[in-house]
Amino acid sequence: MGKNKKNMGHTRKEEEQGKKVLIGIGVVAVVLVIAMFVLYSFWG
């Protein structure tokens, strides 16, 4: 029983970390898209 509780807590922590990673990737993607639009507007 003790091991199961520990594993559940660990998976919850991993899920939170995964969400943070996904949010970080999303933010980076948005920044890249904005940067591309800015560069295109300068050269276009």
PDB file of N, CA and C in Angstrom:
ATOM      1  N   MET A   1       0.836  -1.199   0.000  1.00  0.00           N
ATOM      2  CA  MET A   1       0.000   0.000   0.000  1.00  0.00           C
ATOM      3  C   MET A   1       0.875   1.256   0.000  1.00  0.00           C
ATOM      4  N   GLY A   2       1.934   1.220   0.819  1.00  0.00           N
ATOM      5  CA  GLY A   2       2.811   2.389   0.905  1.00  0.00           C
ATOM      6  C   GLY A   2       3.460   2.712  -0.433  1.00  0.00           C
ATOM      7  N   LYS A   3       3.897   1.655  -1.141  1.00  0.00           N
ATOM      8  CA  LYS A   3       4.540   1.867  -2.442  1.00  0.00           C
ATOM      9  C   LYS A   3       3.558   2.484  -3.438  1.00  0.00           C
ATOM     10  N   ASN A   4       2.311   2.015  -3.411  1.00  0.00           N
ATOM     11  CA  ASN A   4       1.306   2.546  -4.334  1.00  0.00           C
ATOM     12  C   ASN A   4       1.096   4.042  -4.108  1.00  0.00           C
ATOM     13  N   LYS A   5       1.005   4.441  -2.839  1.00  0.00           N
ATOM     14  CA  LYS A   5       0.811   5.866  -2.538  1.00  0.00           C
ATOM     15  C   LYS A   5       2.003   6.676  -3.055  1.00  0.00           C
ATOM     16  N   LYS A   6       3.192   6.153  -2.846  1.00  0.00           N
ATOM     17  CA  LYS A   6       4.400   6.846  -3.300  1.00  0.00           C
ATOM     18  C   LYS A   6       4.377   6.989  -4.823  1.00  0.00           C
ATOM     19  N   ASN A   7       4.024   5.914  -5.524  1.00  0.00           N
ATOM     20  CA  ASN A   7       3.975   5.950  -6.986  1.00  0.00           C
ATOM     21  C   ASN A   7       2.926   6.941  -7.476  1.00  0.00           C
ATOM     22  N   MET A   8       1.764   6.979  -6.812  1.00  0.00           N
ATOM     23  CA  MET A   8       0.708   7.908  -7.210  1.00  0.00           C
ATOM     24  C   MET A   8       1.200   9.346  -7.079  1.00  0.00           C
ATOM     25  N   GLY A   9       1.873   9.653  -5.970  1.00  0.00           N
ATOM     26  CA  GLY A   9       2.414  10.992  -5.777  1.00  0.00           C
ATOM     27  C   GLY A   9       3.443  11.317  -6.839  1.00  0.00           C
ATOM     28  N   HIS A  10       4.254  10.325  -7.187  1.00  0.00           N
ATOM     29  CA  HIS A  10       5.298  10.532  -8.196  1.00  0.00           C
ATOM     30  C   HIS A  10       4.675  10.822  -9.559  1.00  0.00           C
ATOM     31  N   THR A  11       3.637  10.056  -9.917  1.00  0.00           N
ATOM     32  CA  THR A  11       3.008  10.259 -11.224  1.00  0.00           C
ATOM     33  C   THR A  11       2.333  11.626 -11.264  1.00  0.00           C
ATOM     34  N   ARG A  12       1.751  12.048 -10.138  1.00  0.00           N
ATOM     35  CA  ARG A  12       1.112  13.366 -10.102  1.00  0.00           C
ATOM     36  C   ARG A  12       2.164  14.450 -10.345  1.00  0.00           C
ATOM     37  N   LYS A  13       3.330  14.278  -9.710  1.00  0.00           N
ATOM     38  CA  LYS A  13       4.420  15.234  -9.889  1.00  0.00           C
ATOM     39  C   LYS A  13       4.861  15.244 -11.355  1.00  0.00           C
ATOM     40  N   GLU A  14       4.974  14.052 -11.950  1.00  0.00           N
ATOM     41  CA  GLU A  14       5.388  13.952 -13.356  1.00  0.00           C
ATOM     42  C   GLU A  14       4.364  14.622 -14.267  1.00  0.00           C
ATOM     43  N   GLU A  15       3.064  14.458 -13.948  1.00  0.00           N
ATOM     44  CA  GLU A  15       2.023  15.087 -14.761  1.00  0.00           C
ATOM     45  C   GLU A  15       2.151  16.605 -14.702  1.00  0.00           C
ATOM     46  N   GLU A  16       2.395  17.143 -13.488  1.00  0.00           N
ATOM     47  CA  GLU A  16       2.558  18.592 -13.342  1.00  0.00           C
ATOM     48  C   GLU A  16       3.765  19.066 -14.142  1.00  0.00           C
ATOM     49  N   GLN A  17       4.855  18.302 -14.069  1.00  0.00           N
ATOM     50  CA  GLN A  17       6.063  18.657 -14.809  1.00  0.00           C
ATOM     51  C   GLN A  17       5.781  18.615 -16.308  1.00  0.00           C
ATOM     52  N   GLY A  18       5.049  17.605 -16.742  1.00  0.00           N
ATOM     53  CA  GLY A  18       4.701  17.480 -18.155  1.00  0.00           C
ATOM     54  C   GLY A  18       3.873  18.656 -18.622  1.00  0.00           C
ATOM     55  N   LYS A  19       2.912  19.092 -17.792  1.00  0.00           N
ATOM     56  CA  LYS A  19       2.089  20.252 -18.153  1.00  0.00           C
ATOM     57  C   LYS A  19       2.967  21.488 -18.297  1.00  0.00           C
ATOM     58  N   LYS A  20       3.905  21.664 -17.347  1.00  0.00           N
ATOM     59  CA  LYS A  20       4.809  22.819 -17.416  1.00  0.00           C
ATOM     60  C   LYS A  20       5.621  22.773 -18.703  1.00  0.00           C
ATOM     61  N   VAL A  21       6.106  21.589 -19.070  1.00  0.00           N
ATOM     62  CA  VAL A  21       6.897  21.437 -20.300  1.00  0.00           C
ATOM     63  C   VAL A  21       6.046  21.789 -21.514  1.00  0.00           C
ATOM     64  N   LEU A  22       4.797  21.280 -21.541  1.00  0.00           N
ATOM     65  CA  LEU A  22       3.907  21.565 -22.675  1.00  0.00           C
ATOM     66  C   LEU A  22       3.637  23.056 -22.774  1.00  0.00           C
ATOM     67  N   ILE A  23       3.385  23.715 -21.632  1.00  0.00           N
ATOM     68  CA  ILE A  23       3.135  25.162 -21.629  1.00  0.00           C
ATOM     69  C   ILE A  23       4.380  25.888 -22.138  1.00  0.00           C
ATOM     70  N   GLY A  24       5.555  25.443 -21.687  1.00  0.00           N
ATOM     71  CA  GLY A  24       6.804  26.061 -22.137  1.00  0.00           C
ATOM     72  C   GLY A  24       6.985  25.922 -23.633  1.00  0.00           C
ATOM     73  N   ILE A  25       6.707  24.728 -24.169  1.00  0.00           N
ATOM     74  CA  ILE A  25       6.827  24.504 -25.617  1.00  0.00           C
ATOM     75  C   ILE A  25       5.842  25.403 -26.359  1.00  0.00           C
ATOM     76  N   GLY A  26       4.622  25.517 -25.843  1.00  0.00           N
ATOM     77  CA  GLY A  26       3.606  26.374 -26.465  1.00  0.00           C
ATOM     78  C   GLY A  26       4.053  27.823 -26.501  1.00  0.00           C
ATOM     79  N   VAL A  27       4.602  28.314 -25.388  1.00  0.00           N
ATOM     80  CA  VAL A  27       5.072  29.700 -25.320  1.00  0.00           C
ATOM     81  C   VAL A  27       6.190  29.922 -26.331  1.00  0.00           C
ATOM     82  N   VAL A  28       7.149  28.989 -26.379  1.00  0.00           N
ATOM     83  CA  VAL A  28       8.264  29.105 -27.326  1.00  0.00           C
ATOM     84  C   VAL A  28       7.739  29.117 -28.757  1.00  0.00           C
ATOM     85  N   ALA A  29       6.772  28.250 -29.060  1.00  0.00           N
ATOM     86  CA  ALA A  29       6.202  28.184 -30.412  1.00  0.00           C
ATOM     87  C   ALA A  29       5.548  29.511 -30.774  1.00  0.00           C
ATOM     88  N   VAL A  30       4.780  30.093 -29.848  1.00  0.00           N
ATOM     89  CA  VAL A  30       4.112  31.376 -30.107  1.00  0.00           C
ATOM     90  C   VAL A  30       5.151  32.467 -30.339  1.00  0.00           C
ATOM     91  N   VAL A  31       6.191  32.490 -29.505  1.00  0.00           N
ATOM     92  CA  VAL A  31       7.252  33.496 -29.661  1.00  0.00           C
ATOM     93  C   VAL A  31       7.915  33.352 -31.026  1.00  0.00           C
ATOM     94  N   LEU A  32       8.198  32.113 -31.446  1.00  0.00           N
ATOM     95  CA  LEU A  32       8.817  31.884 -32.754  1.00  0.00           C
ATOM     96  C   LEU A  32       7.915  32.378 -33.876  1.00  0.00           C
ATOM     97  N   VAL A  33       6.619  32.100 -33.781  1.00  0.00           N
ATOM     98  CA  VAL A  33       5.676  32.540 -34.818  1.00  0.00           C
ATOM     99  C   VAL A  33       5.658  34.066 -34.888  1.00  0.00           C
ATOM    100  N   ILE A  34       5.604  34.729 -33.725  1.00  0.00           N
ATOM    101  CA  ILE A  34       5.599  36.198 -33.698  1.00  0.00           C
ATOM    102  C   ILE A  34       6.900  36.726 -34.299  1.00  0.00           C
ATOM    103  N   ALA A  35       8.030  36.124 -33.933  1.00  0.00           N
ATOM    104  CA  ALA A  35       9.327  36.549 -34.468  1.00  0.00           C
ATOM    105  C   ALA A  35       9.348  36.401 -35.985  1.00  0.00           C
ATOM    106  N   MET A  36       8.790  35.303 -36.506  1.00  0.00           N
ATOM    107  CA  MET A  36       8.748  35.096 -37.958  1.00  0.00           C
ATOM    108  C   MET A  36       7.902  36.175 -38.631  1.00  0.00           C
ATOM    109  N   PHE A  37       6.740  36.496 -38.036  1.00  0.00           N
ATOM    110  CA  PHE A  37       5.886  37.543 -38.608  1.00  0.00           C
ATOM    111  C   PHE A  37       6.627  38.878 -38.627  1.00  0.00           C
ATOM    112  N   VAL A  38       7.346  39.191 -37.543  1.00  0.00           N
ATOM    113  CA  VAL A  38       8.095  40.452 -37.466  1.00  0.00           C
ATOM    114  C   VAL A  38       9.170  40.479 -38.547  1.00  0.00           C
ATOM    115  N   LEU A  39       9.922  39.378 -38.691  1.00  0.00           N
ATOM    116  CA  LEU A  39      10.980  39.323 -39.706  1.00  0.00           C
ATOM    117  C   LEU A  39      10.389  39.454 -41.109  1.00  0.00           C
ATOM    118  N   TYR A  40       9.264  38.761 -41.361  1.00  0.00           N
ATOM    119  CA  TYR A  40       8.633  38.850 -42.686  1.00  0.00           C
ATOM    120  C   TYR A  40       8.181  40.280 -42.962  1.00  0.00           C
ATOM    121  N   SER A  41       7.657  40.968 -41.944  1.00  0.00           N
ATOM    122  CA  SER A  41       7.175  42.334 -42.146  1.00  0.00           C
ATOM    123  C   SER A  41       8.358  43.261 -42.435  1.00  0.00           C
ATOM    124  N   PHE A  42       9.514  42.998 -41.833  1.00  0.00           N
ATOM    125  CA  PHE A  42      10.700  43.823 -42.106  1.00  0.00           C
ATOM    126  C   PHE A  42      11.190  43.613 -43.540  1.00  0.00           C
ATOM    127  N   TRP A  43      11.237  42.333 -43.973  1.00  0.00           N
ATOM    128  CA  TRP A  43      11.768  42.031 -45.305  1.00  0.00           C
ATOM    129  C   TRP A  43      10.710  42.170 -46.403  1.00  0.00           C
ATOM    130  N   GLY A  44       9.430  42.109 -46.009  1.00  0.00           N
ATOM    131  CA  GLY A  44       8.369  42.135 -46.995  1.00  0.00           C
ATOM    132  C   GLY A  44       7.925  43.489 -47.355  1.00  0.00           C
TER     133      GLY A  44
END
